[in-house]
Amino acid sequence: MTVHAPHALEIIEQVTRRLADQHAHDVDESTVRALVLDSFRRYRHLDHPSSHGRALAAQLATDRLTALRWSARQGSERSTPPSFLFVCSGNAGRSQLAAALMRATATRTTRVLSAGETPAARVLPAVTDSLDELGIPSFGEYPKPVTPEFVAAADHIVVLNCDDRLDALEGRAFRTWSIMLESTSGRQGLRHTRDQIAEHVQALAREFDVDAG
């Protein structure tokens, strides 16, 4: 996918107009346009069919705009539950597990996001399967980059064994969970990873009083 192809530019314009209309009361069109274009650029490294890559870029732009609105509300309404951002390298394994487990653990109004320094092409099927075993949904999730909007919208950031330099988190405090993704050791290994993360997530939810249980 290249943002310079004529058809791609047409798609970008359509996405921009749609999102600008949806967010007209909160975000100006120039901001929407900049986010859409940047979101398309961030998926150029993935070897998707073009329609898939464009859909991911459009979803990323949508999520970034939602994060912007969340940050604006948080500035004046600090009584809302805290928000969490889970980060790993590809946002295809550990951070997706952590986010899904937190959504299943925390109160309904708790905002949970996950992202990666270099997003993979898709969430690992084995990760989805390991969540399915617990009846925890992961539908609609996709690998996404760490963006300034996601960082600003997060009250608490957790990094899971990311070896990359996380420039996007510069200036922000975060905690690190040293948990390896045991995807190469079969289903049982991935279950072990999942259960380790679940223990950390439950402790985090109790720490910030968002445990729905």
N, C-alpha and C. Protein backbone atom coordinates (compact mmCIF):
# COMPACT_ATOMS: atom_id res chain seq x y z
N MET A 1 0.85 -1.20 0.00
CA MET A 1 0.00 0.00 0.00
C MET A 1 0.88 1.24 0.00
N THR A 2 0.60 2.17 -0.87
CA THR A 2 1.32 3.44 -0.89
C THR A 2 0.32 4.58 -0.85
N VAL A 3 0.57 5.54 0.00
CA VAL A 3 -0.39 6.63 0.13
C VAL A 3 -0.35 7.56 -1.07
N HIS A 4 0.61 7.33 -2.00
CA HIS A 4 0.73 8.22 -3.15
C HIS A 4 -0.02 7.71 -4.37
N ALA A 5 -0.48 6.46 -4.35
CA ALA A 5 -1.25 5.95 -5.47
C ALA A 5 -2.56 6.72 -5.60
N PRO A 6 -2.98 7.05 -6.81
CA PRO A 6 -4.20 7.85 -6.99
C PRO A 6 -5.41 7.30 -6.25
N HIS A 7 -5.62 5.96 -6.35
CA HIS A 7 -6.79 5.39 -5.69
C HIS A 7 -6.67 5.50 -4.17
N ALA A 8 -5.45 5.33 -3.65
CA ALA A 8 -5.23 5.44 -2.21
C ALA A 8 -5.56 6.85 -1.73
N LEU A 9 -5.17 7.85 -2.52
CA LEU A 9 -5.46 9.23 -2.14
C LEU A 9 -6.97 9.48 -2.12
N GLU A 10 -7.68 8.85 -3.03
CA GLU A 10 -9.14 8.97 -3.04
C GLU A 10 -9.75 8.35 -1.79
N ILE A 11 -9.23 7.20 -1.39
CA ILE A 11 -9.71 6.53 -0.18
C ILE A 11 -9.41 7.38 1.05
N ILE A 12 -8.22 7.94 1.09
CA ILE A 12 -7.86 8.80 2.21
C ILE A 12 -8.82 9.98 2.33
N GLU A 13 -9.17 10.57 1.20
CA GLU A 13 -10.08 11.70 1.21
C GLU A 13 -11.47 11.27 1.70
N GLN A 14 -11.93 10.09 1.28
CA GLN A 14 -13.23 9.60 1.73
C GLN A 14 -13.23 9.35 3.23
N VAL A 15 -12.17 8.73 3.73
CA VAL A 15 -12.06 8.47 5.17
C VAL A 15 -12.01 9.78 5.95
N THR A 16 -11.26 10.74 5.43
CA THR A 16 -11.16 12.04 6.10
C THR A 16 -12.52 12.71 6.20
N ARG A 17 -13.26 12.74 5.11
CA ARG A 17 -14.57 13.39 5.13
C ARG A 17 -15.52 12.69 6.10
N ARG A 18 -15.49 11.37 6.09
CA ARG A 18 -16.38 10.63 6.98
C ARG A 18 -16.06 10.91 8.45
N LEU A 19 -14.78 10.85 8.80
CA LEU A 19 -14.40 11.06 10.20
C LEU A 19 -14.56 12.52 10.60
N ALA A 20 -14.31 13.44 9.67
CA ALA A 20 -14.50 14.86 9.99
C ALA A 20 -15.96 15.15 10.30
N ASP A 21 -16.87 14.52 9.57
CA ASP A 21 -18.30 14.69 9.85
C ASP A 21 -18.67 14.10 11.21
N GLN A 22 -18.11 12.94 11.52
CA GLN A 22 -18.45 12.26 12.78
C GLN A 22 -17.92 13.01 13.99
N HIS A 23 -16.79 13.71 13.83
CA HIS A 23 -16.15 14.37 14.96
C HIS A 23 -16.20 15.89 14.83
N ALA A 24 -17.15 16.38 14.06
CA ALA A 24 -17.20 17.82 13.75
C ALA A 24 -17.30 18.70 15.00
N HIS A 25 -17.94 18.19 16.06
CA HIS A 25 -18.14 19.00 17.27
C HIS A 25 -16.93 18.97 18.21
N ASP A 26 -15.97 18.10 17.92
CA ASP A 26 -14.86 17.93 18.85
C ASP A 26 -13.48 18.20 18.26
N VAL A 27 -13.30 17.91 16.97
CA VAL A 27 -11.97 18.00 16.35
C VAL A 27 -12.10 18.72 15.02
N ASP A 28 -11.17 19.64 14.72
CA ASP A 28 -11.25 20.36 13.46
C ASP A 28 -10.78 19.47 12.31
N GLU A 29 -11.22 19.80 11.11
CA GLU A 29 -10.96 18.95 9.94
C GLU A 29 -9.47 18.81 9.64
N SER A 30 -8.69 19.84 9.87
CA SER A 30 -7.26 19.74 9.59
C SER A 30 -6.58 18.70 10.48
N THR A 31 -7.03 18.61 11.73
CA THR A 31 -6.49 17.59 12.64
C THR A 31 -6.89 16.20 12.17
N VAL A 32 -8.15 16.06 11.77
CA VAL A 32 -8.62 14.77 11.25
C VAL A 32 -7.80 14.36 10.04
N ARG A 33 -7.60 15.28 9.11
CA ARG A 33 -6.85 14.98 7.89
C ARG A 33 -5.42 14.54 8.20
N ALA A 34 -4.77 15.24 9.12
CA ALA A 34 -3.40 14.89 9.48
C ALA A 34 -3.32 13.51 10.12
N LEU A 35 -4.29 13.18 10.98
CA LEU A 35 -4.30 11.86 11.62
C LEU A 35 -4.57 10.76 10.62
N VAL A 36 -5.48 10.99 9.68
CA VAL A 36 -5.79 9.98 8.68
C VAL A 36 -4.55 9.71 7.82
N LEU A 37 -3.93 10.75 7.32
CA LEU A 37 -2.76 10.58 6.47
C LEU A 37 -1.64 9.86 7.22
N ASP A 38 -1.39 10.27 8.46
CA ASP A 38 -0.34 9.63 9.25
C ASP A 38 -0.68 8.17 9.53
N SER A 39 -1.96 7.86 9.75
CA SER A 39 -2.37 6.49 10.01
C SER A 39 -2.15 5.61 8.79
N PHE A 40 -2.42 6.12 7.61
CA PHE A 40 -2.15 5.35 6.39
C PHE A 40 -0.65 5.11 6.23
N ARG A 41 0.14 6.11 6.54
CA ARG A 41 1.59 5.95 6.41
C ARG A 41 2.13 4.90 7.37
N ARG A 42 1.55 4.80 8.55
CA ARG A 42 2.06 3.88 9.57
C ARG A 42 1.85 2.42 9.21
N TYR A 43 1.02 2.11 8.23
CA TYR A 43 0.80 0.71 7.84
C TYR A 43 1.46 0.36 6.51
N ARG A 44 2.32 1.22 6.01
CA ARG A 44 2.97 0.92 4.73
C ARG A 44 3.91 -0.27 4.83
N HIS A 45 4.44 -0.55 6.02
CA HIS A 45 5.42 -1.63 6.16
C HIS A 45 4.79 -3.01 6.19
N LEU A 46 3.47 -3.10 6.28
CA LEU A 46 2.81 -4.39 6.37
C LEU A 46 2.45 -4.92 4.99
N ASP A 47 2.64 -6.20 4.80
CA ASP A 47 2.36 -6.82 3.51
C ASP A 47 0.92 -7.30 3.46
N HIS A 48 -0.02 -6.35 3.58
CA HIS A 48 -1.44 -6.66 3.48
C HIS A 48 -1.91 -6.50 2.05
N PRO A 49 -2.99 -7.18 1.65
CA PRO A 49 -3.69 -6.71 0.47
C PRO A 49 -4.11 -5.27 0.72
N SER A 50 -4.13 -4.46 -0.32
CA SER A 50 -4.33 -3.03 -0.12
C SER A 50 -5.62 -2.72 0.62
N SER A 51 -6.68 -3.44 0.35
CA SER A 51 -7.96 -3.13 1.02
C SER A 51 -7.87 -3.37 2.51
N HIS A 52 -7.11 -4.42 2.92
CA HIS A 52 -6.96 -4.70 4.34
C HIS A 52 -6.15 -3.60 5.00
N GLY A 53 -5.05 -3.19 4.36
CA GLY A 53 -4.22 -2.15 4.93
C GLY A 53 -4.96 -0.84 5.08
N ARG A 54 -5.80 -0.53 4.11
CA ARG A 54 -6.56 0.72 4.18
C ARG A 54 -7.62 0.66 5.27
N ALA A 55 -8.21 -0.50 5.45
CA ALA A 55 -9.20 -0.66 6.53
C ALA A 55 -8.53 -0.50 7.89
N LEU A 56 -7.34 -1.08 8.04
CA LEU A 56 -6.60 -0.93 9.31
C LEU A 56 -6.25 0.53 9.56
N ALA A 57 -5.82 1.23 8.51
CA ALA A 57 -5.45 2.64 8.67
C ALA A 57 -6.66 3.48 9.07
N ALA A 58 -7.80 3.19 8.45
CA ALA A 58 -9.02 3.93 8.79
C ALA A 58 -9.43 3.66 10.23
N GLN A 59 -9.29 2.40 10.67
CA GLN A 59 -9.64 2.07 12.06
C GLN A 59 -8.68 2.73 13.03
N LEU A 60 -7.40 2.77 12.67
CA LEU A 60 -6.42 3.43 13.53
C LEU A 60 -6.75 4.91 13.68
N ALA A 61 -7.09 5.58 12.57
CA ALA A 61 -7.45 6.99 12.64
C ALA A 61 -8.66 7.20 13.54
N THR A 62 -9.63 6.31 13.42
CA THR A 62 -10.83 6.38 14.26
C THR A 62 -10.48 6.25 15.74
N ASP A 63 -9.63 5.28 16.05
CA ASP A 63 -9.24 5.05 17.45
C ASP A 63 -8.42 6.22 17.99
N ARG A 64 -7.60 6.82 17.16
CA ARG A 64 -6.81 7.97 17.61
C ARG A 64 -7.71 9.17 17.91
N LEU A 65 -8.72 9.37 17.09
CA LEU A 65 -9.66 10.46 17.35
C LEU A 65 -10.45 10.21 18.62
N THR A 66 -10.84 8.96 18.84
CA THR A 66 -11.53 8.61 20.09
C THR A 66 -10.63 8.89 21.29
N ALA A 67 -9.34 8.57 21.16
CA ALA A 67 -8.39 8.84 22.25
C ALA A 67 -8.26 10.34 22.50
N LEU A 68 -8.28 11.13 21.45
CA LEU A 68 -8.23 12.58 21.61
C LEU A 68 -9.42 13.08 22.42
N ARG A 69 -10.59 12.58 22.10
CA ARG A 69 -11.80 12.99 22.81
C ARG A 69 -11.74 12.54 24.26
N TRP A 70 -11.23 11.34 24.49
CA TRP A 70 -11.10 10.83 25.86
C TRP A 70 -10.17 11.72 26.68
N SER A 71 -9.04 12.11 26.08
CA SER A 71 -8.09 12.97 26.79
C SER A 71 -8.72 14.30 27.16
N ALA A 72 -9.52 14.85 26.25
CA ALA A 72 -10.18 16.13 26.53
C ALA A 72 -11.16 16.00 27.69
N ARG A 73 -11.90 14.90 27.73
CA ARG A 73 -12.85 14.68 28.84
C ARG A 73 -12.11 14.47 30.14
N GLN A 74 -11.02 13.71 30.07
CA GLN A 74 -10.26 13.43 31.28
C GLN A 74 -9.70 14.69 31.91
N GLY A 75 -9.42 15.68 31.07
CA GLY A 75 -8.85 16.92 31.59
C GLY A 75 -9.78 17.63 32.55
N SER A 76 -11.09 17.44 32.39
CA SER A 76 -12.06 18.15 33.23
C SER A 76 -12.88 17.22 34.12
N GLU A 77 -12.73 15.90 33.90
CA GLU A 77 -13.55 14.95 34.65
C GLU A 77 -12.65 13.85 35.21
N ARG A 78 -11.83 14.20 36.17
CA ARG A 78 -10.89 13.22 36.71
C ARG A 78 -11.53 12.18 37.60
N SER A 79 -12.86 12.28 37.80
CA SER A 79 -13.52 11.28 38.62
C SER A 79 -13.77 9.99 37.85
N THR A 80 -13.56 10.00 36.53
CA THR A 80 -13.77 8.80 35.74
C THR A 80 -12.70 7.77 36.07
N PRO A 81 -12.97 6.46 35.82
CA PRO A 81 -11.96 5.44 36.12
C PRO A 81 -10.68 5.67 35.33
N PRO A 82 -9.55 5.21 35.86
CA PRO A 82 -8.29 5.40 35.14
C PRO A 82 -8.27 4.59 33.85
N SER A 83 -7.41 5.00 32.93
CA SER A 83 -7.27 4.29 31.66
C SER A 83 -5.89 3.63 31.61
N PHE A 84 -5.79 2.54 30.83
CA PHE A 84 -4.58 1.73 30.79
C PHE A 84 -4.14 1.51 29.34
N LEU A 85 -2.83 1.54 29.14
CA LEU A 85 -2.24 1.24 27.84
C LEU A 85 -1.20 0.15 28.03
N PHE A 86 -1.35 -0.96 27.30
CA PHE A 86 -0.41 -2.07 27.35
C PHE A 86 0.39 -2.08 26.05
N VAL A 87 1.71 -2.17 26.18
CA VAL A 87 2.60 -2.05 25.02
C VAL A 87 3.56 -3.23 24.96
N CYS A 88 3.73 -3.79 23.76
CA CYS A 88 4.80 -4.75 23.50
C CYS A 88 5.35 -4.45 22.11
N SER A 89 6.22 -5.28 21.59
CA SER A 89 6.87 -4.97 20.33
C SER A 89 5.90 -4.95 19.16
N GLY A 90 5.16 -6.06 18.96
CA GLY A 90 4.32 -6.18 17.78
C GLY A 90 2.85 -6.00 18.00
N ASN A 91 2.41 -5.86 19.26
CA ASN A 91 0.99 -5.75 19.59
C ASN A 91 0.19 -6.90 18.97
N ALA A 92 0.81 -8.07 19.00
CA ALA A 92 0.15 -9.26 18.44
C ALA A 92 0.01 -10.37 19.47
N GLY A 93 0.67 -10.22 20.62
CA GLY A 93 0.67 -11.28 21.61
C GLY A 93 0.41 -10.79 23.02
N ARG A 94 1.48 -10.44 23.74
CA ARG A 94 1.35 -10.14 25.17
C ARG A 94 0.48 -8.92 25.47
N SER A 95 0.69 -7.85 24.72
CA SER A 95 -0.12 -6.65 25.00
C SER A 95 -1.58 -6.86 24.66
N GLN A 96 -1.86 -7.68 23.64
CA GLN A 96 -3.25 -8.01 23.32
C GLN A 96 -3.87 -8.87 24.41
N LEU A 97 -3.09 -9.83 24.93
CA LEU A 97 -3.58 -10.65 26.05
C LEU A 97 -3.87 -9.78 27.27
N ALA A 98 -2.94 -8.89 27.59
CA ALA A 98 -3.11 -8.04 28.78
C ALA A 98 -4.34 -7.15 28.66
N ALA A 99 -4.54 -6.57 27.48
CA ALA A 99 -5.68 -5.68 27.29
C ALA A 99 -6.99 -6.44 27.39
N ALA A 100 -7.05 -7.60 26.74
CA ALA A 100 -8.28 -8.39 26.78
C ALA A 100 -8.59 -8.86 28.20
N LEU A 101 -7.56 -9.27 28.93
CA LEU A 101 -7.76 -9.73 30.30
C LEU A 101 -8.17 -8.58 31.21
N MET A 102 -7.62 -7.38 30.98
CA MET A 102 -8.03 -6.23 31.79
C MET A 102 -9.48 -5.85 31.49
N ARG A 103 -9.88 -5.90 30.23
CA ARG A 103 -11.28 -5.59 29.90
C ARG A 103 -12.22 -6.57 30.59
N ALA A 104 -11.79 -7.82 30.71
CA ALA A 104 -12.63 -8.83 31.35
C ALA A 104 -12.62 -8.71 32.86
N THR A 105 -11.60 -8.04 33.41
CA THR A 105 -11.43 -7.93 34.86
C THR A 105 -11.98 -6.62 35.42
N ALA A 106 -11.79 -5.54 34.66
CA ALA A 106 -12.07 -4.20 35.18
C ALA A 106 -13.54 -3.82 35.03
N THR A 107 -13.91 -2.74 35.67
CA THR A 107 -15.26 -2.21 35.54
C THR A 107 -15.52 -1.79 34.10
N ARG A 108 -16.77 -1.74 33.73
CA ARG A 108 -17.16 -1.52 32.33
C ARG A 108 -16.66 -0.20 31.78
N THR A 109 -16.57 0.82 32.60
CA THR A 109 -16.20 2.14 32.11
C THR A 109 -14.68 2.37 32.06
N THR A 110 -13.90 1.38 32.46
CA THR A 110 -12.45 1.50 32.40
C THR A 110 -11.98 1.44 30.95
N ARG A 111 -11.18 2.40 30.53
CA ARG A 111 -10.69 2.42 29.15
C ARG A 111 -9.38 1.64 29.07
N VAL A 112 -9.31 0.71 28.11
CA VAL A 112 -8.14 -0.15 27.95
C VAL A 112 -7.70 -0.13 26.49
N LEU A 113 -6.42 0.11 26.27
CA LEU A 113 -5.85 0.10 24.94
C LEU A 113 -4.59 -0.76 24.92
N SER A 114 -4.23 -1.25 23.73
CA SER A 114 -2.95 -1.91 23.55
C SER A 114 -2.32 -1.39 22.28
N ALA A 115 -0.99 -1.45 22.20
CA ALA A 115 -0.28 -0.95 21.02
C ALA A 115 1.10 -1.58 20.99
N GLY A 116 1.80 -1.37 19.87
CA GLY A 116 3.14 -1.93 19.71
C GLY A 116 4.07 -0.97 19.03
N GLU A 117 5.37 -1.11 19.29
CA GLU A 117 6.35 -0.24 18.66
C GLU A 117 6.41 -0.48 17.15
N THR A 118 6.37 -1.75 16.74
CA THR A 118 6.34 -2.11 15.32
C THR A 118 5.22 -3.11 15.11
N PRO A 119 4.01 -2.65 14.80
CA PRO A 119 2.85 -3.55 14.74
C PRO A 119 3.02 -4.69 13.74
N ALA A 120 2.62 -5.87 14.15
CA ALA A 120 2.63 -7.04 13.27
C ALA A 120 1.46 -6.95 12.28
N ALA A 121 1.36 -7.94 11.41
CA ALA A 121 0.29 -7.94 10.42
C ALA A 121 -1.05 -8.33 11.02
N ARG A 122 -1.02 -9.13 12.08
CA ARG A 122 -2.28 -9.57 12.69
C ARG A 122 -2.01 -10.08 14.11
N VAL A 123 -3.07 -10.16 14.88
CA VAL A 123 -2.98 -10.78 16.20
C VAL A 123 -2.74 -12.27 16.01
N LEU A 124 -1.85 -12.84 16.80
CA LEU A 124 -1.56 -14.27 16.67
C LEU A 124 -2.82 -15.10 16.91
N PRO A 125 -3.16 -16.00 16.00
CA PRO A 125 -4.36 -16.84 16.20
C PRO A 125 -4.33 -17.59 17.52
N ALA A 126 -3.15 -18.03 17.94
CA ALA A 126 -3.05 -18.77 19.20
C ALA A 126 -3.42 -17.90 20.39
N VAL A 127 -3.17 -16.60 20.29
CA VAL A 127 -3.56 -15.68 21.36
C VAL A 127 -5.08 -15.61 21.44
N THR A 128 -5.72 -15.47 20.29
CA THR A 128 -7.19 -15.46 20.25
C THR A 128 -7.75 -16.75 20.81
N ASP A 129 -7.14 -17.87 20.44
CA ASP A 129 -7.60 -19.18 20.92
C ASP A 129 -7.45 -19.29 22.44
N SER A 130 -6.35 -18.78 22.98
CA SER A 130 -6.14 -18.89 24.43
C SER A 130 -7.14 -18.05 25.21
N LEU A 131 -7.57 -16.94 24.62
CA LEU A 131 -8.61 -16.13 25.25
C LEU A 131 -9.98 -16.79 25.11
N ASP A 132 -10.19 -17.40 23.97
CA ASP A 132 -11.46 -18.10 23.74
C ASP A 132 -11.67 -19.21 24.76
N GLU A 133 -10.59 -19.84 25.18
CA GLU A 133 -10.70 -20.90 26.19
C GLU A 133 -11.32 -20.38 27.49
N LEU A 134 -11.13 -19.10 27.76
CA LEU A 134 -11.68 -18.49 28.98
C LEU A 134 -12.98 -17.75 28.72
N GLY A 135 -13.44 -17.78 27.47
CA GLY A 135 -14.67 -17.05 27.14
C GLY A 135 -14.47 -15.55 27.10
N ILE A 136 -13.23 -15.11 26.82
CA ILE A 136 -12.91 -13.68 26.76
C ILE A 136 -12.82 -13.26 25.30
N PRO A 137 -13.63 -12.32 24.86
CA PRO A 137 -13.63 -11.93 23.44
C PRO A 137 -12.42 -11.09 23.08
N SER A 138 -11.99 -11.27 21.84
CA SER A 138 -10.91 -10.43 21.29
C SER A 138 -11.26 -9.97 19.89
N PHE A 139 -12.55 -10.07 19.54
CA PHE A 139 -12.98 -9.70 18.20
C PHE A 139 -12.76 -8.22 17.95
N GLY A 140 -12.35 -7.91 16.72
CA GLY A 140 -12.16 -6.51 16.34
C GLY A 140 -10.82 -5.94 16.73
N GLU A 141 -10.00 -6.69 17.47
CA GLU A 141 -8.69 -6.18 17.86
C GLU A 141 -7.69 -6.34 16.71
N TYR A 142 -6.74 -5.45 16.63
CA TYR A 142 -5.75 -5.48 15.55
C TYR A 142 -4.46 -4.84 16.05
N PRO A 143 -3.32 -5.23 15.51
CA PRO A 143 -2.06 -4.60 15.92
C PRO A 143 -2.04 -3.15 15.48
N LYS A 144 -1.67 -2.27 16.41
CA LYS A 144 -1.65 -0.84 16.13
C LYS A 144 -0.41 -0.20 16.75
N PRO A 145 0.08 0.89 16.20
CA PRO A 145 1.29 1.52 16.72
C PRO A 145 1.02 2.34 17.98
N VAL A 146 2.09 2.59 18.71
CA VAL A 146 2.00 3.51 19.86
C VAL A 146 1.98 4.93 19.29
N THR A 147 0.88 5.62 19.47
CA THR A 147 0.76 6.99 18.94
C THR A 147 0.68 7.99 20.09
N PRO A 148 0.95 9.26 19.83
CA PRO A 148 0.86 10.27 20.90
C PRO A 148 -0.54 10.33 21.52
N GLU A 149 -1.57 10.09 20.71
CA GLU A 149 -2.94 10.15 21.23
C GLU A 149 -3.19 9.03 22.25
N PHE A 150 -2.70 7.82 21.94
CA PHE A 150 -2.89 6.70 22.87
C PHE A 150 -2.12 6.93 24.17
N VAL A 151 -0.92 7.47 24.05
CA VAL A 151 -0.10 7.73 25.24
C VAL A 151 -0.76 8.80 26.11
N ALA A 152 -1.24 9.87 25.48
CA ALA A 152 -1.86 10.96 26.24
C ALA A 152 -3.15 10.52 26.92
N ALA A 153 -3.86 9.56 26.31
CA ALA A 153 -5.14 9.11 26.87
C ALA A 153 -4.96 8.10 28.00
N ALA A 154 -3.74 7.65 28.23
CA ALA A 154 -3.49 6.60 29.24
C ALA A 154 -3.05 7.21 30.56
N ASP A 155 -3.72 6.83 31.63
CA ASP A 155 -3.27 7.21 32.97
C ASP A 155 -2.12 6.32 33.43
N HIS A 156 -2.15 5.05 32.99
CA HIS A 156 -1.15 4.08 33.41
C HIS A 156 -0.70 3.27 32.20
N ILE A 157 0.61 3.11 32.06
CA ILE A 157 1.19 2.42 30.92
C ILE A 157 2.01 1.24 31.42
N VAL A 158 1.80 0.10 30.79
CA VAL A 158 2.55 -1.11 31.12
C VAL A 158 3.26 -1.60 29.85
N VAL A 159 4.56 -1.82 29.96
CA VAL A 159 5.35 -2.34 28.84
C VAL A 159 5.72 -3.79 29.15
N LEU A 160 5.44 -4.67 28.19
CA LEU A 160 5.71 -6.09 28.38
C LEU A 160 6.91 -6.50 27.55
N ASN A 161 8.07 -6.60 28.20
CA ASN A 161 9.29 -7.11 27.58
C ASN A 161 9.55 -6.58 26.18
N CYS A 162 9.46 -5.32 25.98
CA CYS A 162 9.71 -4.73 24.67
C CYS A 162 11.18 -4.36 24.56
N ASP A 163 11.88 -4.94 23.57
CA ASP A 163 13.30 -4.67 23.39
C ASP A 163 13.56 -3.43 22.56
N ASP A 164 12.50 -2.91 21.92
CA ASP A 164 12.66 -1.74 21.06
C ASP A 164 12.81 -0.47 21.91
N ARG A 165 13.39 0.55 21.31
CA ARG A 165 13.45 1.86 21.95
C ARG A 165 12.08 2.52 21.82
N LEU A 166 11.47 2.82 22.94
CA LEU A 166 10.10 3.34 22.93
C LEU A 166 10.11 4.86 22.98
N ASP A 167 10.48 5.46 21.85
CA ASP A 167 10.53 6.92 21.78
C ASP A 167 9.17 7.54 22.07
N ALA A 168 8.10 6.82 21.69
CA ALA A 168 6.75 7.37 21.87
C ALA A 168 6.40 7.55 23.34
N LEU A 169 7.13 6.87 24.23
CA LEU A 169 6.84 6.98 25.67
C LEU A 169 7.79 7.93 26.39
N GLU A 170 8.61 8.63 25.63
CA GLU A 170 9.57 9.54 26.26
C GLU A 170 8.85 10.57 27.13
N GLY A 171 9.30 10.68 28.36
CA GLY A 171 8.70 11.63 29.28
C GLY A 171 7.55 11.07 30.09
N ARG A 172 7.13 9.84 29.77
CA ARG A 172 6.03 9.23 30.51
C ARG A 172 6.53 8.12 31.42
N ALA A 173 5.98 8.05 32.61
CA ALA A 173 6.31 6.95 33.52
C ALA A 173 5.56 5.70 33.08
N PHE A 174 6.22 4.56 33.19
CA PHE A 174 5.55 3.29 32.89
C PHE A 174 6.20 2.19 33.71
N ARG A 175 5.45 1.12 33.90
CA ARG A 175 5.98 -0.04 34.59
C ARG A 175 6.24 -1.14 33.56
N THR A 176 7.15 -2.06 33.89
CA THR A 176 7.50 -3.13 32.98
C THR A 176 7.17 -4.48 33.61
N TRP A 177 6.53 -5.33 32.83
CA TRP A 177 6.29 -6.71 33.25
C TRP A 177 7.22 -7.61 32.45
N SER A 178 8.08 -8.36 33.13
CA SER A 178 9.03 -9.25 32.46
C SER A 178 8.37 -10.60 32.23
N ILE A 179 7.63 -10.68 31.15
CA ILE A 179 6.90 -11.89 30.80
C ILE A 179 7.20 -12.22 29.34
N MET A 180 7.73 -13.41 29.08
CA MET A 180 8.05 -13.82 27.73
C MET A 180 6.83 -14.48 27.08
N LEU A 181 6.73 -14.33 25.78
CA LEU A 181 5.65 -14.96 25.02
C LEU A 181 6.09 -16.37 24.63
N GLU A 182 5.49 -17.37 25.25
CA GLU A 182 5.89 -18.76 25.02
C GLU A 182 5.10 -19.38 23.88
N SER A 183 5.01 -18.67 22.77
CA SER A 183 4.22 -19.17 21.63
C SER A 183 4.89 -20.33 20.92
N THR A 184 6.23 -20.44 21.05
CA THR A 184 6.94 -21.51 20.34
C THR A 184 6.87 -22.84 21.08
N SER A 185 6.36 -22.84 22.31
CA SER A 185 6.29 -24.08 23.08
C SER A 185 4.89 -24.67 23.06
N GLY A 186 4.11 -24.32 22.06
CA GLY A 186 2.80 -24.93 21.90
C GLY A 186 1.72 -24.27 22.74
N ARG A 187 0.55 -24.87 22.70
CA ARG A 187 -0.60 -24.29 23.37
C ARG A 187 -0.40 -24.16 24.87
N GLN A 188 0.26 -25.15 25.48
CA GLN A 188 0.46 -25.11 26.92
C GLN A 188 1.37 -23.95 27.31
N GLY A 189 2.40 -23.69 26.48
CA GLY A 189 3.28 -22.57 26.77
C GLY A 189 2.57 -21.24 26.69
N LEU A 190 1.68 -21.10 25.70
CA LEU A 190 0.94 -19.85 25.58
C LEU A 190 -0.04 -19.68 26.73
N ARG A 191 -0.61 -20.79 27.17
CA ARG A 191 -1.49 -20.72 28.35
C ARG A 191 -0.72 -20.21 29.56
N HIS A 192 0.53 -20.66 29.68
CA HIS A 192 1.35 -20.22 30.81
C HIS A 192 1.57 -18.71 30.73
N THR A 193 1.88 -18.21 29.53
CA THR A 193 2.03 -16.76 29.34
C THR A 193 0.74 -16.04 29.71
N ARG A 194 -0.36 -16.54 29.20
CA ARG A 194 -1.66 -15.92 29.48
C ARG A 194 -1.94 -15.88 30.97
N ASP A 195 -1.69 -16.97 31.66
CA ASP A 195 -2.00 -17.03 33.09
C ASP A 195 -1.07 -16.12 33.91
N GLN A 196 0.20 -16.01 33.49
CA GLN A 196 1.10 -15.07 34.14
C GLN A 196 0.60 -13.64 34.00
N ILE A 197 0.20 -13.30 32.79
CA ILE A 197 -0.31 -11.94 32.54
C ILE A 197 -1.59 -11.71 33.33
N ALA A 198 -2.45 -12.73 33.41
CA ALA A 198 -3.71 -12.60 34.15
C ALA A 198 -3.46 -12.26 35.61
N GLU A 199 -2.45 -12.87 36.21
CA GLU A 199 -2.13 -12.57 37.61
C GLU A 199 -1.71 -11.11 37.77
N HIS A 200 -0.88 -10.63 36.85
CA HIS A 200 -0.44 -9.23 36.91
C HIS A 200 -1.62 -8.28 36.68
N VAL A 201 -2.48 -8.62 35.74
CA VAL A 201 -3.64 -7.77 35.44
C VAL A 201 -4.57 -7.68 36.64
N GLN A 202 -4.82 -8.79 37.29
CA GLN A 202 -5.71 -8.78 38.45
C GLN A 202 -5.14 -7.93 39.57
N ALA A 203 -3.82 -8.02 39.76
CA ALA A 203 -3.18 -7.20 40.80
C ALA A 203 -3.26 -5.72 40.43
N LEU A 204 -3.09 -5.41 39.15
CA LEU A 204 -3.17 -4.01 38.69
C LEU A 204 -4.57 -3.45 38.87
N ALA A 205 -5.57 -4.27 38.55
CA ALA A 205 -6.96 -3.82 38.71
C ALA A 205 -7.30 -3.57 40.16
N ARG A 206 -6.77 -4.42 41.05
CA ARG A 206 -7.02 -4.21 42.49
C ARG A 206 -6.28 -2.97 42.97
N GLU A 207 -5.07 -2.75 42.48
CA GLU A 207 -4.26 -1.60 42.91
C GLU A 207 -4.98 -0.29 42.63
N PHE A 208 -5.65 -0.20 41.47
CA PHE A 208 -6.31 1.04 41.09
C PHE A 208 -7.83 0.98 41.25
N ASP A 209 -8.26 -0.02 41.99
CA ASP A 209 -9.67 -0.15 42.39
C ASP A 209 -10.62 -0.15 41.19
N VAL A 210 -10.27 -0.92 40.15
CA VAL A 210 -11.18 -1.06 39.00
C VAL A 210 -11.58 -2.52 38.82
N ASP A 211 -11.29 -3.35 39.80
CA ASP A 211 -11.65 -4.77 39.72
C ASP A 211 -13.17 -4.89 39.83
N ALA A 212 -13.79 -5.41 38.77
CA ALA A 212 -15.25 -5.53 38.75
C ALA A 212 -15.73 -6.71 39.60
N GLY A 213 -14.81 -7.59 39.96
CA GLY A 213 -15.22 -8.77 40.71
C GLY A 213 -15.48 -8.47 42.16
